[in-house]
C-alpha cells in the first residue's frame, strides 16, 4: 500500500455503526462490507506506517493490521480510490 495523490479519489468518512449522520453529508452510503474493507485498509496503512517508524513491533500486527479496539468506536477519514484506501 502506498500513499499517493488524492486528486482522482474521494474522501470517505467511516463512522461507527449506529451513529447519526448529519444532513450536511449529501452522499451517504450504508454498506457494512465496504466499511469493513475500508477499515481493514486503514488499519493496514496505519500498521505499516507505525512499523516502518519503529513505533510498534511486527508481533503487534494481526494480518498486517493494527487492530485496536478504538478502531470501531471512532470516526475515520480516508482518501478512497477504485482499489481502496
N, C-alpha and C. Protein backbone atom coordinates (compact mmCIF):
# COMPACT_ATOMS: atom_id res chain seq x y z
N UNK A 1 0.84 -1.16 0.00
CA UNK A 1 0.00 0.00 0.00
C UNK A 1 0.89 1.23 0.00
N UNK A 2 0.55 2.20 -0.83
CA UNK A 2 1.38 3.40 -0.88
C UNK A 2 0.50 4.64 -0.75
N UNK A 3 1.11 5.66 -0.22
CA UNK A 3 0.41 6.93 -0.13
C UNK A 3 0.61 7.67 -1.44
N UNK A 4 -0.45 8.20 -1.97
CA UNK A 4 -0.34 8.93 -3.22
C UNK A 4 -1.24 10.14 -3.22
N UNK A 5 -1.41 10.70 -4.36
CA UNK A 5 -2.24 11.88 -4.52
C UNK A 5 -3.72 11.54 -4.35
N UNK A 6 -4.47 12.47 -3.83
CA UNK A 6 -5.92 12.31 -3.69
C UNK A 6 -6.65 12.93 -4.87
N UNK A 7 -5.93 13.34 -5.88
CA UNK A 7 -6.54 14.07 -6.99
C UNK A 7 -7.68 13.30 -7.64
N UNK A 8 -7.51 12.01 -7.91
CA UNK A 8 -8.54 11.23 -8.59
C UNK A 8 -9.33 10.36 -7.61
N UNK A 9 -9.33 10.74 -6.36
CA UNK A 9 -10.00 9.96 -5.33
C UNK A 9 -11.04 10.81 -4.62
N UNK A 10 -11.82 10.15 -3.78
CA UNK A 10 -12.81 10.83 -2.96
C UNK A 10 -12.47 10.62 -1.50
N UNK A 11 -12.90 11.56 -0.66
CA UNK A 11 -12.74 11.39 0.78
C UNK A 11 -13.90 10.57 1.30
N UNK A 12 -13.60 9.66 2.20
CA UNK A 12 -14.64 8.84 2.82
C UNK A 12 -14.54 9.01 4.33
N UNK A 13 -15.67 9.22 4.95
CA UNK A 13 -15.75 9.31 6.40
C UNK A 13 -16.40 8.02 6.88
N UNK A 14 -15.65 7.24 7.65
CA UNK A 14 -16.17 6.00 8.21
C UNK A 14 -16.63 6.28 9.63
N UNK A 15 -17.92 6.12 9.86
CA UNK A 15 -18.48 6.36 11.19
C UNK A 15 -18.83 5.02 11.82
N UNK A 16 -18.76 4.95 13.15
CA UNK A 16 -19.14 3.71 13.82
C UNK A 16 -20.62 3.38 13.55
N UNK A 17 -20.97 2.10 13.62
CA UNK A 17 -22.37 1.71 13.39
C UNK A 17 -23.31 2.43 14.35
N UNK A 18 -24.46 2.85 13.82
CA UNK A 18 -25.48 3.47 14.65
C UNK A 18 -25.30 4.95 14.93
N UNK A 19 -24.26 5.56 14.39
CA UNK A 19 -24.01 6.99 14.62
C UNK A 19 -24.90 7.81 13.70
N UNK A 20 -25.48 8.88 14.24
CA UNK A 20 -26.30 9.79 13.43
C UNK A 20 -25.41 10.54 12.45
N UNK A 21 -25.81 10.56 11.19
CA UNK A 21 -25.05 11.27 10.16
C UNK A 21 -25.81 12.56 9.83
N UNK A 22 -25.20 13.72 10.07
CA UNK A 22 -25.87 14.99 9.79
C UNK A 22 -26.24 15.13 8.32
N UNK A 23 -27.31 15.86 8.04
CA UNK A 23 -27.78 16.08 6.67
C UNK A 23 -26.77 16.85 5.83
N UNK A 24 -25.76 17.45 6.49
CA UNK A 24 -24.69 18.14 5.79
C UNK A 24 -24.03 17.21 4.76
N UNK A 25 -23.92 15.93 5.10
CA UNK A 25 -23.33 14.94 4.20
C UNK A 25 -24.41 14.48 3.22
N UNK A 26 -24.22 14.82 1.95
CA UNK A 26 -25.24 14.57 0.94
C UNK A 26 -25.13 13.20 0.30
N UNK A 27 -23.97 12.61 0.26
CA UNK A 27 -23.79 11.30 -0.37
C UNK A 27 -23.47 10.27 0.70
N UNK A 28 -24.49 9.80 1.38
CA UNK A 28 -24.32 8.84 2.45
C UNK A 28 -24.63 7.45 1.91
N UNK A 29 -23.69 6.54 2.09
CA UNK A 29 -23.86 5.16 1.66
C UNK A 29 -23.66 4.26 2.87
N UNK A 30 -24.64 3.44 3.15
CA UNK A 30 -24.54 2.49 4.25
C UNK A 30 -24.26 1.13 3.64
N UNK A 31 -23.04 0.64 3.85
CA UNK A 31 -22.62 -0.63 3.29
C UNK A 31 -21.61 -1.25 4.25
N UNK A 32 -22.07 -2.18 5.07
CA UNK A 32 -21.23 -2.74 6.13
C UNK A 32 -19.99 -3.44 5.58
N UNK A 33 -20.11 -4.19 4.49
CA UNK A 33 -18.93 -4.91 3.98
C UNK A 33 -17.91 -3.93 3.40
N UNK A 34 -18.38 -2.88 2.73
CA UNK A 34 -17.46 -1.86 2.19
C UNK A 34 -16.78 -1.12 3.34
N UNK A 35 -17.54 -0.80 4.38
CA UNK A 35 -16.99 -0.14 5.55
C UNK A 35 -15.93 -1.01 6.22
N UNK A 36 -16.21 -2.30 6.37
CA UNK A 36 -15.24 -3.23 6.97
C UNK A 36 -13.97 -3.30 6.13
N UNK A 37 -14.13 -3.32 4.81
CA UNK A 37 -12.98 -3.39 3.90
C UNK A 37 -12.13 -2.12 4.01
N UNK A 38 -12.77 -0.95 4.03
CA UNK A 38 -12.04 0.31 4.15
C UNK A 38 -11.36 0.42 5.51
N UNK A 39 -12.03 -0.05 6.57
CA UNK A 39 -11.43 -0.04 7.90
C UNK A 39 -10.18 -0.93 7.92
N UNK A 40 -10.26 -2.11 7.30
CA UNK A 40 -9.10 -3.00 7.23
C UNK A 40 -7.95 -2.33 6.48
N UNK A 41 -8.27 -1.64 5.37
CA UNK A 41 -7.23 -0.91 4.62
C UNK A 41 -6.57 0.15 5.48
N UNK A 42 -7.38 0.90 6.23
CA UNK A 42 -6.82 1.94 7.11
C UNK A 42 -5.96 1.34 8.21
N UNK A 43 -6.39 0.20 8.76
CA UNK A 43 -5.61 -0.46 9.81
C UNK A 43 -4.28 -0.98 9.27
N UNK A 44 -4.29 -1.49 8.02
CA UNK A 44 -3.04 -1.95 7.41
C UNK A 44 -2.11 -0.77 7.13
N UNK A 45 -2.68 0.32 6.63
CA UNK A 45 -1.88 1.52 6.36
C UNK A 45 -1.25 2.04 7.65
N UNK A 46 -2.06 2.19 8.69
CA UNK A 46 -1.55 2.67 9.97
C UNK A 46 -0.49 1.72 10.53
N UNK A 47 -0.75 0.41 10.48
CA UNK A 47 0.21 -0.57 10.98
C UNK A 47 1.52 -0.50 10.23
N UNK A 48 1.46 -0.36 8.91
CA UNK A 48 2.66 -0.29 8.08
C UNK A 48 3.48 0.96 8.41
N UNK A 49 2.80 2.09 8.57
CA UNK A 49 3.49 3.34 8.90
C UNK A 49 4.15 3.24 10.27
N UNK A 50 3.40 2.76 11.27
CA UNK A 50 3.95 2.64 12.62
C UNK A 50 5.09 1.64 12.67
N UNK A 51 5.00 0.58 11.90
CA UNK A 51 6.06 -0.43 11.85
C UNK A 51 7.33 0.16 11.24
N UNK A 52 7.20 0.86 10.12
CA UNK A 52 8.35 1.49 9.48
C UNK A 52 8.98 2.55 10.37
N UNK A 53 8.17 3.22 11.16
CA UNK A 53 8.63 4.27 12.06
C UNK A 53 9.32 3.68 13.30
N UNK A 54 9.10 2.39 13.55
CA UNK A 54 9.67 1.76 14.73
C UNK A 54 8.82 1.92 15.98
N UNK A 55 7.60 2.43 15.81
CA UNK A 55 6.72 2.66 16.96
C UNK A 55 6.10 1.36 17.48
N UNK A 56 6.01 0.35 16.61
CA UNK A 56 5.47 -0.95 17.01
C UNK A 56 6.34 -2.06 16.46
N UNK A 57 6.14 -3.25 16.97
CA UNK A 57 6.86 -4.45 16.53
C UNK A 57 5.93 -5.27 15.62
N UNK A 58 6.50 -6.09 14.72
CA UNK A 58 5.67 -6.91 13.84
C UNK A 58 4.66 -7.78 14.60
N UNK A 59 5.01 -8.23 15.78
CA UNK A 59 4.10 -9.09 16.56
C UNK A 59 2.85 -8.35 17.02
N UNK A 60 2.86 -7.01 16.92
CA UNK A 60 1.71 -6.21 17.34
C UNK A 60 0.67 -6.07 16.22
N UNK A 61 0.96 -6.65 15.07
CA UNK A 61 0.04 -6.59 13.94
C UNK A 61 -0.69 -7.92 13.78
N UNK A 62 -1.93 -7.85 13.34
CA UNK A 62 -2.73 -9.03 13.04
C UNK A 62 -3.01 -9.01 11.55
N UNK A 63 -2.42 -9.95 10.81
CA UNK A 63 -2.56 -9.96 9.34
C UNK A 63 -2.18 -8.61 8.74
N UNK A 64 -1.14 -8.00 9.27
CA UNK A 64 -0.66 -6.72 8.77
C UNK A 64 -1.45 -5.53 9.28
N UNK A 65 -2.48 -5.78 10.08
CA UNK A 65 -3.36 -4.72 10.55
C UNK A 65 -3.06 -4.37 12.01
N UNK A 66 -3.09 -3.08 12.30
CA UNK A 66 -3.03 -2.67 13.70
C UNK A 66 -4.49 -2.58 14.15
N UNK A 67 -4.95 -3.66 14.72
CA UNK A 67 -6.36 -3.85 15.06
C UNK A 67 -6.59 -3.42 16.50
N UNK A 68 -6.91 -2.15 16.70
CA UNK A 68 -7.14 -1.61 18.04
C UNK A 68 -8.63 -1.57 18.33
N UNK A 69 -9.00 -1.78 19.58
CA UNK A 69 -10.42 -1.74 19.95
C UNK A 69 -11.06 -0.40 19.61
N UNK A 70 -10.32 0.68 19.76
CA UNK A 70 -10.88 2.00 19.48
C UNK A 70 -11.17 2.20 17.99
N UNK A 71 -10.63 1.34 17.11
CA UNK A 71 -10.89 1.47 15.68
C UNK A 71 -12.37 1.37 15.35
N UNK A 72 -13.13 0.72 16.22
CA UNK A 72 -14.54 0.51 15.94
C UNK A 72 -15.45 1.57 16.56
N UNK A 73 -14.89 2.46 17.36
CA UNK A 73 -15.73 3.43 18.06
C UNK A 73 -15.42 4.88 17.72
N UNK A 74 -14.51 5.12 16.78
CA UNK A 74 -14.19 6.50 16.41
C UNK A 74 -14.41 6.70 14.91
N UNK A 75 -14.59 7.94 14.52
CA UNK A 75 -14.72 8.26 13.10
C UNK A 75 -13.34 8.29 12.47
N UNK A 76 -13.27 7.87 11.21
CA UNK A 76 -12.02 7.88 10.48
C UNK A 76 -12.27 8.51 9.11
N UNK A 77 -11.27 9.15 8.57
CA UNK A 77 -11.39 9.71 7.24
C UNK A 77 -10.24 9.18 6.39
N UNK A 78 -10.56 8.85 5.15
CA UNK A 78 -9.53 8.32 4.26
C UNK A 78 -9.77 8.78 2.83
N UNK A 79 -8.75 8.72 2.07
CA UNK A 79 -8.79 9.08 0.66
C UNK A 79 -9.03 7.77 -0.10
N UNK A 80 -10.13 7.66 -0.81
CA UNK A 80 -10.54 6.39 -1.41
C UNK A 80 -10.53 6.45 -2.92
N UNK A 81 -9.91 5.44 -3.55
CA UNK A 81 -9.92 5.29 -4.98
C UNK A 81 -10.61 3.98 -5.35
N UNK A 82 -10.53 3.59 -6.58
CA UNK A 82 -11.20 2.38 -7.04
C UNK A 82 -10.73 1.14 -6.32
N UNK A 83 -9.45 1.11 -5.91
CA UNK A 83 -8.91 -0.10 -5.28
C UNK A 83 -8.86 0.00 -3.75
N UNK A 84 -9.46 1.01 -3.17
CA UNK A 84 -9.48 1.14 -1.70
C UNK A 84 -8.74 2.38 -1.25
N UNK A 85 -8.30 2.34 0.00
CA UNK A 85 -7.62 3.47 0.63
C UNK A 85 -6.29 3.72 -0.07
